[in-house]
C-alpha cells in the first residue's frame, strides 16, 4: 500500500487518526498481507471521507435553511404589519 496506490491517505488531515494508525500498521505487515488488506482499508478510508463530505454538505444546507426560515418569518411579520396598517387605514376611510 504505497502513497501512489492510495491517494485517500495522502490527505492525512481528513482521515481519522485511528484509521491512519491502522493504515500504517497494515503498511508494516509483510507485503503479501499488506497487499490483501490494502483494498479493504482504501474502501474504509474512501467511505469515511465521503461520509464527512456528506455531513458537511448537510450541515451547510441546514444552516442555509435556518437562515432562509428567519428571512421568511421576518417577511411574514412585515407583511402582517402592513396588512393590519392598511386595514386600519381602510376602516378610517370608510367611516
PDB file of N, CA and C in Angstrom:
ATOM      1  N   UNK A   1       0.848  -1.174   0.000  1.00  0.00           N
ATOM      2  CA  UNK A   1       0.000   0.000   0.000  1.00  0.00           C
ATOM      3  C   UNK A   1       0.891   1.234   0.000  1.00  0.00           C
ATOM      4  N   UNK A   2       1.269   1.700  -1.154  1.00  0.00           N
ATOM      5  CA  UNK A   2       2.128   2.870  -1.273  1.00  0.00           C
ATOM      6  C   UNK A   2       1.279   4.122  -1.357  1.00  0.00           C
ATOM      7  N   UNK A   3       1.947   5.273  -1.229  1.00  0.00           N
ATOM      8  CA  UNK A   3       1.186   6.522  -1.274  1.00  0.00           C
ATOM      9  C   UNK A   3       0.633   6.779  -2.667  1.00  0.00           C
ATOM     10  N   UNK A   4       1.300   6.258  -3.712  1.00  0.00           N
ATOM     11  CA  UNK A   4       0.750   6.422  -5.051  1.00  0.00           C
ATOM     12  C   UNK A   4      -0.430   5.493  -5.263  1.00  0.00           C
ATOM     13  N   UNK A   5      -0.426   4.393  -4.534  1.00  0.00           N
ATOM     14  CA  UNK A   5      -1.511   3.434  -4.666  1.00  0.00           C
ATOM     15  C   UNK A   5      -2.751   3.904  -3.919  1.00  0.00           C
ATOM     16  N   UNK A   6      -2.546   4.712  -2.885  1.00  0.00           N
ATOM     17  CA  UNK A   6      -3.644   5.106  -2.024  1.00  0.00           C
ATOM     18  C   UNK A   6      -3.729   6.624  -1.926  1.00  0.00           C
ATOM     19  N   UNK A   7      -4.378   7.283  -2.870  1.00  0.00           N
ATOM     20  CA  UNK A   7      -4.479   8.738  -2.800  1.00  0.00           C
ATOM     21  C   UNK A   7      -5.325   9.215  -1.632  1.00  0.00           C
ATOM     22  N   UNK A   8      -6.203   8.367  -1.095  1.00  0.00           N
ATOM     23  CA  UNK A   8      -7.066   8.765   0.015  1.00  0.00           C
ATOM     24  C   UNK A   8      -6.251   9.088   1.254  1.00  0.00           C
ATOM     25  N   UNK A   9      -5.159   8.360   1.446  1.00  0.00           N
ATOM     26  CA  UNK A   9      -4.366   8.564   2.644  1.00  0.00           C
ATOM     27  C   UNK A   9      -3.380   9.712   2.492  1.00  0.00           C
ATOM     28  N   UNK A  10      -3.262  10.291   1.308  1.00  0.00           N
ATOM     29  CA  UNK A  10      -2.343  11.403   1.121  1.00  0.00           C
ATOM     30  C   UNK A  10      -2.857  12.653   1.826  1.00  0.00           C
ATOM     31  N   UNK A  11      -4.151  12.769   2.015  1.00  0.00           N
ATOM     32  CA  UNK A  11      -4.718  13.883   2.763  1.00  0.00           C
ATOM     33  C   UNK A  11      -4.983  13.407   4.181  1.00  0.00           C
ATOM     34  N   UNK A  12      -3.913  13.385   4.968  1.00  0.00           N
ATOM     35  CA  UNK A  12      -3.970  12.815   6.311  1.00  0.00           C
ATOM     36  C   UNK A  12      -4.950  13.576   7.194  1.00  0.00           C
ATOM     37  N   UNK A  13      -5.093  14.882   6.986  1.00  0.00           N
ATOM     38  CA  UNK A  13      -5.953  15.673   7.863  1.00  0.00           C
ATOM     39  C   UNK A  13      -7.417  15.288   7.760  1.00  0.00           C
ATOM     40  N   UNK A  14      -7.828  14.660   6.667  1.00  0.00           N
ATOM     41  CA  UNK A  14      -9.230  14.286   6.532  1.00  0.00           C
ATOM     42  C   UNK A  14      -9.506  12.873   7.031  1.00  0.00           C
ATOM     43  N   UNK A  15      -8.456  12.120   7.305  1.00  0.00           N
ATOM     44  CA  UNK A  15      -8.613  10.734   7.754  1.00  0.00           C
ATOM     45  C   UNK A  15      -8.501  10.703   9.274  1.00  0.00           C
ATOM     46  N   UNK A  16      -9.445  10.070   9.954  1.00  0.00           N
ATOM     47  CA  UNK A  16      -9.348   9.962  11.408  1.00  0.00           C
ATOM     48  C   UNK A  16      -8.034   9.301  11.826  1.00  0.00           C
ATOM     49  N   UNK A  17      -7.550   9.695  12.982  1.00  0.00           N
ATOM     50  CA  UNK A  17      -6.252   9.209  13.453  1.00  0.00           C
ATOM     51  C   UNK A  17      -6.226   7.693  13.596  1.00  0.00           C
ATOM     52  N   UNK A  18      -7.320   7.094  14.063  1.00  0.00           N
ATOM     53  CA  UNK A  18      -7.320   5.646  14.233  1.00  0.00           C
ATOM     54  C   UNK A  18      -7.228   4.927  12.892  1.00  0.00           C
ATOM     55  N   UNK A  19      -7.856   5.463  11.866  1.00  0.00           N
ATOM     56  CA  UNK A  19      -7.734   4.862  10.535  1.00  0.00           C
ATOM     57  C   UNK A  19      -6.326   5.034   9.984  1.00  0.00           C
ATOM     58  N   UNK A  20      -5.719   6.178  10.263  1.00  0.00           N
ATOM     59  CA  UNK A  20      -4.344   6.399   9.810  1.00  0.00           C
ATOM     60  C   UNK A  20      -3.398   5.420  10.495  1.00  0.00           C
ATOM     61  N   UNK A  21      -3.604   5.204  11.798  1.00  0.00           N
ATOM     62  CA  UNK A  21      -2.760   4.235  12.514  1.00  0.00           C
ATOM     63  C   UNK A  21      -2.955   2.833  11.957  1.00  0.00           C
ATOM     64  N   UNK A  22      -4.204   2.483  11.648  1.00  0.00           N
ATOM     65  CA  UNK A  22      -4.481   1.173  11.061  1.00  0.00           C
ATOM     66  C   UNK A  22      -3.782   1.027   9.717  1.00  0.00           C
ATOM     67  N   UNK A  23      -3.850   2.055   8.888  1.00  0.00           N
ATOM     68  CA  UNK A  23      -3.178   2.010   7.581  1.00  0.00           C
ATOM     69  C   UNK A  23      -1.672   1.887   7.754  1.00  0.00           C
ATOM     70  N   UNK A  24      -1.115   2.605   8.721  1.00  0.00           N
ATOM     71  CA  UNK A  24       0.324   2.497   8.980  1.00  0.00           C
ATOM     72  C   UNK A  24       0.689   1.097   9.450  1.00  0.00           C
ATOM     73  N   UNK A  25      -0.147   0.515  10.303  1.00  0.00           N
ATOM     74  CA  UNK A  25       0.106  -0.851  10.776  1.00  0.00           C
ATOM     75  C   UNK A  25       0.042  -1.844   9.628  1.00  0.00           C
ATOM     76  N   UNK A  26      -0.903  -1.647   8.721  1.00  0.00           N
ATOM     77  CA  UNK A  26      -1.010  -2.535   7.559  1.00  0.00           C
ATOM     78  C   UNK A  26       0.219  -2.388   6.673  1.00  0.00           C
ATOM     79  N   UNK A  27       0.731  -1.166   6.545  1.00  0.00           N
ATOM     80  CA  UNK A  27       1.947  -0.956   5.752  1.00  0.00           C
ATOM     81  C   UNK A  27       3.146  -1.677   6.345  1.00  0.00           C
ATOM     82  N   UNK A  28       3.140  -1.875   7.662  1.00  0.00           N
ATOM     83  CA  UNK A  28       4.265  -2.540   8.321  1.00  0.00           C
ATOM     84  C   UNK A  28       4.177  -4.058   8.258  1.00  0.00           C
ATOM     85  N   UNK A  29       3.064  -4.585   7.786  1.00  0.00           N
ATOM     86  CA  UNK A  29       2.917  -6.037   7.645  1.00  0.00           C
ATOM     87  C   UNK A  29       3.756  -6.534   6.473  1.00  0.00           C
ATOM     88  N   UNK A  30       4.021  -7.837   6.436  1.00  0.00           N
ATOM     89  CA  UNK A  30       4.680  -8.397   5.247  1.00  0.00           C
ATOM     90  C   UNK A  30       3.859  -8.060   4.003  1.00  0.00           C
ATOM     91  N   UNK A  31       4.539  -7.889   2.888  1.00  0.00           N
ATOM     92  CA  UNK A  31       3.900  -7.357   1.685  1.00  0.00           C
ATOM     93  C   UNK A  31       2.719  -8.190   1.205  1.00  0.00           C
ATOM     94  N   UNK A  32       2.777  -9.521   1.355  1.00  0.00           N
ATOM     95  CA  UNK A  32       1.651 -10.333   0.874  1.00  0.00           C
ATOM     96  C   UNK A  32       0.375 -10.043   1.666  1.00  0.00           C
ATOM     97  N   UNK A  33       0.513  -9.814   2.976  1.00  0.00           N
ATOM     98  CA  UNK A  33      -0.658  -9.484   3.796  1.00  0.00           C
ATOM     99  C   UNK A  33      -1.108  -8.041   3.546  1.00  0.00           C
ATOM    100  N   UNK A  34      -0.137  -7.163   3.420  1.00  0.00           N
ATOM    101  CA  UNK A  34      -0.463  -5.759   3.170  1.00  0.00           C
ATOM    102  C   UNK A  34      -1.206  -5.610   1.852  1.00  0.00           C
ATOM    103  N   UNK A  35      -0.809  -6.354   0.838  1.00  0.00           N
ATOM    104  CA  UNK A  35      -1.472  -6.281  -0.464  1.00  0.00           C
ATOM    105  C   UNK A  35      -2.912  -6.776  -0.376  1.00  0.00           C
ATOM    106  N   UNK A  36      -3.163  -7.764   0.486  1.00  0.00           N
ATOM    107  CA  UNK A  36      -4.527  -8.277   0.646  1.00  0.00           C
ATOM    108  C   UNK A  36      -5.415  -7.285   1.394  1.00  0.00           C
ATOM    109  N   UNK A  37      -4.830  -6.595   2.356  1.00  0.00           N
ATOM    110  CA  UNK A  37      -5.614  -5.682   3.187  1.00  0.00           C
ATOM    111  C   UNK A  37      -5.724  -4.269   2.603  1.00  0.00           C
ATOM    112  N   UNK A  38      -4.852  -3.927   1.685  1.00  0.00           N
ATOM    113  CA  UNK A  38      -4.837  -2.569   1.128  1.00  0.00           C
ATOM    114  C   UNK A  38      -6.181  -2.164   0.517  1.00  0.00           C
ATOM    115  N   UNK A  39      -6.804  -2.990  -0.324  1.00  0.00           N
ATOM    116  CA  UNK A  39      -8.094  -2.566  -0.893  1.00  0.00           C
ATOM    117  C   UNK A  39      -9.176  -2.361   0.168  1.00  0.00           C
ATOM    118  N   UNK A  40      -9.110  -3.149   1.224  1.00  0.00           N
ATOM    119  CA  UNK A  40     -10.120  -3.015   2.279  1.00  0.00           C
ATOM    120  C   UNK A  40      -9.972  -1.698   3.031  1.00  0.00           C
ATOM    121  N   UNK A  41      -8.738  -1.374   3.414  1.00  0.00           N
ATOM    122  CA  UNK A  41      -8.535  -0.118   4.142  1.00  0.00           C
ATOM    123  C   UNK A  41      -8.808   1.073   3.232  1.00  0.00           C
ATOM    124  N   UNK A  42      -8.484   0.937   1.946  1.00  0.00           N
ATOM    125  CA  UNK A  42      -8.788   2.013   0.993  1.00  0.00           C
ATOM    126  C   UNK A  42     -10.295   2.262   0.930  1.00  0.00           C
ATOM    127  N   UNK A  43     -11.065   1.195   0.897  1.00  0.00           N
ATOM    128  CA  UNK A  43     -12.525   1.334   0.837  1.00  0.00           C
ATOM    129  C   UNK A  43     -13.063   2.001   2.101  1.00  0.00           C
ATOM    130  N   UNK A  44     -12.507   1.630   3.248  1.00  0.00           N
ATOM    131  CA  UNK A  44     -12.948   2.226   4.514  1.00  0.00           C
ATOM    132  C   UNK A  44     -12.602   3.713   4.548  1.00  0.00           C
ATOM    133  N   UNK A  45     -11.402   4.053   4.104  1.00  0.00           N
ATOM    134  CA  UNK A  45     -10.980   5.459   4.094  1.00  0.00           C
ATOM    135  C   UNK A  45     -11.856   6.268   3.139  1.00  0.00           C
ATOM    136  N   UNK A  46     -12.105   5.744   1.957  1.00  0.00           N
ATOM    137  CA  UNK A  46     -12.958   6.453   0.996  1.00  0.00           C
ATOM    138  C   UNK A  46     -14.367   6.644   1.549  1.00  0.00           C
ATOM    139  N   UNK A  47     -14.893   5.609   2.185  1.00  0.00           N
ATOM    140  CA  UNK A  47     -16.229   5.694   2.763  1.00  0.00           C
ATOM    141  C   UNK A  47     -16.275   6.750   3.870  1.00  0.00           C
ATOM    142  N   UNK A  48     -15.250   6.771   4.702  1.00  0.00           N
ATOM    143  CA  UNK A  48     -15.190   7.740   5.789  1.00  0.00           C
ATOM    144  C   UNK A  48     -15.116   9.161   5.247  1.00  0.00           C
ATOM    145  N   UNK A  49     -14.282   9.367   4.248  1.00  0.00           N
ATOM    146  CA  UNK A  49     -14.160  10.706   3.649  1.00  0.00           C
ATOM    147  C   UNK A  49     -15.464  11.128   2.984  1.00  0.00           C
ATOM    148  N   UNK A  50     -16.109  10.201   2.307  1.00  0.00           N
ATOM    149  CA  UNK A  50     -17.384  10.513   1.653  1.00  0.00           C
ATOM    150  C   UNK A  50     -18.435  10.887   2.697  1.00  0.00           C
ATOM    151  N   UNK A  51     -18.473  10.153   3.793  1.00  0.00           N
ATOM    152  CA  UNK A  51     -19.445  10.463   4.850  1.00  0.00           C
ATOM    153  C   UNK A  51     -19.190  11.841   5.441  1.00  0.00           C
ATOM    154  N   UNK A  52     -17.917  12.178   5.624  1.00  0.00           N
ATOM    155  CA  UNK A  52     -17.598  13.507   6.158  1.00  0.00           C
ATOM    156  C   UNK A  52     -18.036  14.605   5.195  1.00  0.00           C
ATOM    157  N   UNK A  53     -17.795  14.400   3.901  1.00  0.00           N
ATOM    158  CA  UNK A  53     -18.223  15.392   2.910  1.00  0.00           C
ATOM    159  C   UNK A  53     -19.743  15.538   2.927  1.00  0.00           C
ATOM    160  N   UNK A  54     -20.442  14.420   2.995  1.00  0.00           N
ATOM    161  CA  UNK A  54     -21.906  14.460   3.019  1.00  0.00           C
ATOM    162  C   UNK A  54     -22.393  15.171   4.276  1.00  0.00           C
ATOM    163  N   UNK A  55     -21.781  14.865   5.415  1.00  0.00           N
ATOM    164  CA  UNK A  55     -22.174  15.513   6.664  1.00  0.00           C
ATOM    165  C   UNK A  55     -21.963  17.020   6.582  1.00  0.00           C
ATOM    166  N   UNK A  56     -20.848  17.432   6.009  1.00  0.00           N
ATOM    167  CA  UNK A  56     -20.577  18.858   5.850  1.00  0.00           C
ATOM    168  C   UNK A  56     -21.617  19.514   4.949  1.00  0.00           C
ATOM    169  N   UNK A  57     -21.951  18.846   3.846  1.00  0.00           N
ATOM    170  CA  UNK A  57     -22.969  19.386   2.938  1.00  0.00           C
ATOM    171  C   UNK A  57     -24.326  19.509   3.634  1.00  0.00           C
ATOM    172  N   UNK A  58     -24.687  18.502   4.407  1.00  0.00           N
ATOM    173  CA  UNK A  58     -25.974  18.531   5.118  1.00  0.00           C
ATOM    174  C   UNK A  58     -25.979  19.646   6.159  1.00  0.00           C
ATOM    175  N   UNK A  59     -24.871  19.803   6.883  1.00  0.00           N
ATOM    176  CA  UNK A  59     -24.801  20.867   7.880  1.00  0.00           C
ATOM    177  C   UNK A  59     -24.906  22.240   7.222  1.00  0.00           C
ATOM    178  N   UNK A  60     -24.229  22.416   6.095  1.00  0.00           N
ATOM    179  CA  UNK A  60     -24.324  23.684   5.368  1.00  0.00           C
ATOM    180  C   UNK A  60     -25.747  23.935   4.882  1.00  0.00           C
ATOM    181  N   UNK A  61     -26.384  22.897   4.369  1.00  0.00           N
ATOM    182  CA  UNK A  61     -27.758  23.040   3.879  1.00  0.00           C
ATOM    183  C   UNK A  61     -28.704  23.395   5.022  1.00  0.00           C
ATOM    184  N   UNK A  62     -28.514  22.772   6.177  1.00  0.00           N
ATOM    185  CA  UNK A  62     -29.359  23.098   7.329  1.00  0.00           C
ATOM    186  C   UNK A  62     -29.140  24.532   7.790  1.00  0.00           C
ATOM    187  N   UNK A  63     -27.899  24.966   7.782  1.00  0.00           N
ATOM    188  CA  UNK A  63     -27.612  26.351   8.144  1.00  0.00           C
ATOM    189  C   UNK A  63     -28.296  27.324   7.202  1.00  0.00           C
ATOM    190  N   UNK A  64     -28.235  27.033   5.911  1.00  0.00           N
ATOM    191  CA  UNK A  64     -28.898  27.889   4.927  1.00  0.00           C
ATOM    192  C   UNK A  64     -30.412  27.858   5.107  1.00  0.00           C
ATOM    193  N   UNK A  65     -30.954  26.682   5.402  1.00  0.00           N
ATOM    194  CA  UNK A  65     -32.393  26.563   5.629  1.00  0.00           C
ATOM    195  C   UNK A  65     -32.824  27.385   6.838  1.00  0.00           C
ATOM    196  N   UNK A  66     -32.033  27.338   7.902  1.00  0.00           N
ATOM    197  CA  UNK A  66     -32.363  28.135   9.092  1.00  0.00           C
ATOM    198  C   UNK A  66     -32.366  29.626   8.761  1.00  0.00           C
ATOM    199  N   UNK A  67     -31.365  30.057   8.013  1.00  0.00           N
ATOM    200  CA  UNK A  67     -31.300  31.463   7.623  1.00  0.00           C
ATOM    201  C   UNK A  67     -32.494  31.840   6.748  1.00  0.00           C
ATOM    202  N   UNK A  68     -32.812  30.990   5.792  1.00  0.00           N
ATOM    203  CA  UNK A  68     -33.970  31.247   4.931  1.00  0.00           C
ATOM    204  C   UNK A  68     -35.257  31.333   5.743  1.00  0.00           C
ATOM    205  N   UNK A  69     -35.390  30.467   6.735  1.00  0.00           N
ATOM    206  CA  UNK A  69     -36.591  30.497   7.580  1.00  0.00           C
ATOM    207  C   UNK A  69     -36.672  31.810   8.358  1.00  0.00           C
ATOM    208  N   UNK A  70     -35.533  32.302   8.848  1.00  0.00           N
ATOM    209  CA  UNK A  70     -35.544  33.579   9.564  1.00  0.00           C
ATOM    210  C   UNK A  70     -35.993  34.712   8.648  1.00  0.00           C
ATOM    211  N   UNK A  71     -35.471  34.715   7.419  1.00  0.00           N
ATOM    212  CA  UNK A  71     -35.896  35.741   6.462  1.00  0.00           C
ATOM    213  C   UNK A  71     -37.384  35.629   6.156  1.00  0.00           C
ATOM    214  N   UNK A  72     -37.869  34.412   5.987  1.00  0.00           N
ATOM    215  CA  UNK A  72     -39.293  34.221   5.694  1.00  0.00           C
ATOM    216  C   UNK A  72     -40.172  34.666   6.861  1.00  0.00           C
ATOM    217  N   UNK A  73     -39.745  34.360   8.076  1.00  0.00           N
ATOM    218  CA  UNK A  73     -40.522  34.786   9.245  1.00  0.00           C
ATOM    219  C   UNK A  73     -40.539  36.309   9.350  1.00  0.00           C
ATOM    220  N   UNK A  74     -39.398  36.933   9.094  1.00  0.00           N
ATOM    221  CA  UNK A  74     -39.352  38.396   9.111  1.00  0.00           C
ATOM    222  C   UNK A  74     -40.287  38.971   8.056  1.00  0.00           C
ATOM    223  N   UNK A  75     -40.239  38.409   6.862  1.00  0.00           N
ATOM    224  CA  UNK A  75     -41.095  38.878   5.771  1.00  0.00           C
ATOM    225  C   UNK A  75     -42.569  38.688   6.109  1.00  0.00           C
ATOM    226  N   UNK A  76     -42.904  37.555   6.708  1.00  0.00           N
ATOM    227  CA  UNK A  76     -44.290  37.299   7.091  1.00  0.00           C
ATOM    228  C   UNK A  76     -44.765  38.310   8.127  1.00  0.00           C
ATOM    229  N   UNK A  77     -43.931  38.578   9.128  1.00  0.00           N
ATOM    230  CA  UNK A  77     -44.311  39.554  10.152  1.00  0.00           C
ATOM    231  C   UNK A  77     -44.482  40.945   9.550  1.00  0.00           C
ATOM    232  N   UNK A  78     -43.591  41.324   8.641  1.00  0.00           N
ATOM    233  CA  UNK A  78     -43.705  42.637   7.993  1.00  0.00           C
ATOM    234  C   UNK A  78     -44.969  42.707   7.147  1.00  0.00           C
ATOM    235  N   UNK A  79     -45.276  41.634   6.441  1.00  0.00           N
ATOM    236  CA  UNK A  79     -46.490  41.596   5.619  1.00  0.00           C
ATOM    237  C   UNK A  79     -47.732  41.710   6.489  1.00  0.00           C
ATOM    238  N   UNK A  80     -47.735  41.044   7.625  1.00  0.00           N
ATOM    239  CA  UNK A  80     -48.889  41.132   8.535  1.00  0.00           C
ATOM    240  C   UNK A  80     -49.043  42.544   9.090  1.00  0.00           C
ATOM    241  N   UNK A  81     -47.920  43.174   9.441  1.00  0.00           N
ATOM    242  CA  UNK A  81     -47.996  44.552   9.942  1.00  0.00           C
ATOM    243  C   UNK A  81     -48.551  45.486   8.867  1.00  0.00           C
ATOM    244  N   UNK A  82     -48.072  45.304   7.641  1.00  0.00           N
ATOM    245  CA  UNK A  82     -48.582  46.130   6.539  1.00  0.00           C
ATOM    246  C   UNK A  82     -50.069  45.896   6.324  1.00  0.00           C
ATOM    247  N   UNK A  83     -50.496  44.639   6.377  1.00  0.00           N
ATOM    248  CA  UNK A  83     -51.918  44.320   6.198  1.00  0.00           C
ATOM    249  C   UNK A  83     -52.753  45.000   7.269  1.00  0.00           C
ATOM    250  N   UNK A  84     -52.307  44.882   8.517  1.00  0.00           N
ATOM    251  CA  UNK A  84     -53.058  45.490   9.618  1.00  0.00           C
ATOM    252  C   UNK A  84     -53.114  47.010   9.474  1.00  0.00           C
ATOM    253  N   UNK A  85     -52.023  47.602   9.023  1.00  0.00           N
ATOM    254  CA  UNK A  85     -52.000  49.050   8.829  1.00  0.00           C
ATOM    255  C   UNK A  85     -52.963  49.463   7.715  1.00  0.00           C
ATOM    256  N   UNK A  86     -52.961  48.734   6.617  1.00  0.00           N
ATOM    257  CA  UNK A  86     -53.890  49.038   5.517  1.00  0.00           C
ATOM    258  C   UNK A  86     -55.344  48.840   5.936  1.00  0.00           C
ATOM    259  N   UNK A  87     -55.597  47.826   6.757  1.00  0.00           N
ATOM    260  CA  UNK A  87     -56.967  47.611   7.239  1.00  0.00           C
ATOM    261  C   UNK A  87     -57.430  48.788   8.082  1.00  0.00           C
ATOM    262  N   UNK A  88     -56.540  49.238   8.964  1.00  0.00           N
ATOM    263  CA  UNK A  88     -56.939  50.366   9.817  1.00  0.00           C
ATOM    264  C   UNK A  88     -57.142  51.630   8.980  1.00  0.00           C
ATOM    265  N   UNK A  89     -56.300  51.827   7.956  1.00  0.00           N
ATOM    266  CA  UNK A  89     -56.496  52.979   7.065  1.00  0.00           C
ATOM    267  C   UNK A  89     -57.817  52.863   6.304  1.00  0.00           C
ATOM    268  N   UNK A  90     -58.149  51.659   5.856  1.00  0.00           N
ATOM    269  CA  UNK A  90     -59.401  51.440   5.136  1.00  0.00           C
ATOM    270  C   UNK A  90     -60.598  51.699   6.039  1.00  0.00           C
ATOM    271  N   UNK A  91     -60.521  51.238   7.285  1.00  0.00           N
ATOM    272  CA  UNK A  91     -61.616  51.469   8.228  1.00  0.00           C
ATOM    273  C   UNK A  91     -61.788  52.956   8.510  1.00  0.00           C
ATOM    274  N   UNK A  92     -60.669  53.692   8.624  1.00  0.00           N
ATOM    275  CA  UNK A  92     -60.753  55.138   8.844  1.00  0.00           C
ATOM    276  C   UNK A  92     -61.365  55.831   7.631  1.00  0.00           C
ATOM    277  N   UNK A  93     -61.000  55.371   6.450  1.00  0.00           N
ATOM    278  CA  UNK A  93     -61.508  55.967   5.218  1.00  0.00           C
ATOM    279  C   UNK A  93     -63.004  55.724   5.056  1.00  0.00           C
ATOM    280  N   UNK A  94     -63.451  54.519   5.445  1.00  0.00           N
ATOM    281  CA  UNK A  94     -64.866  54.160   5.294  1.00  0.00           C
ATOM    282  C   UNK A  94     -65.747  54.838   6.332  1.00  0.00           C
ATOM    283  N   UNK A  95     -65.163  55.238   7.455  1.00  0.00           N
ATOM    284  CA  UNK A  95     -66.022  55.842   8.481  1.00  0.00           C
ATOM    285  C   UNK A  95     -66.024  57.342   8.447  1.00  0.00           C
TER     286      UNK A  95
END
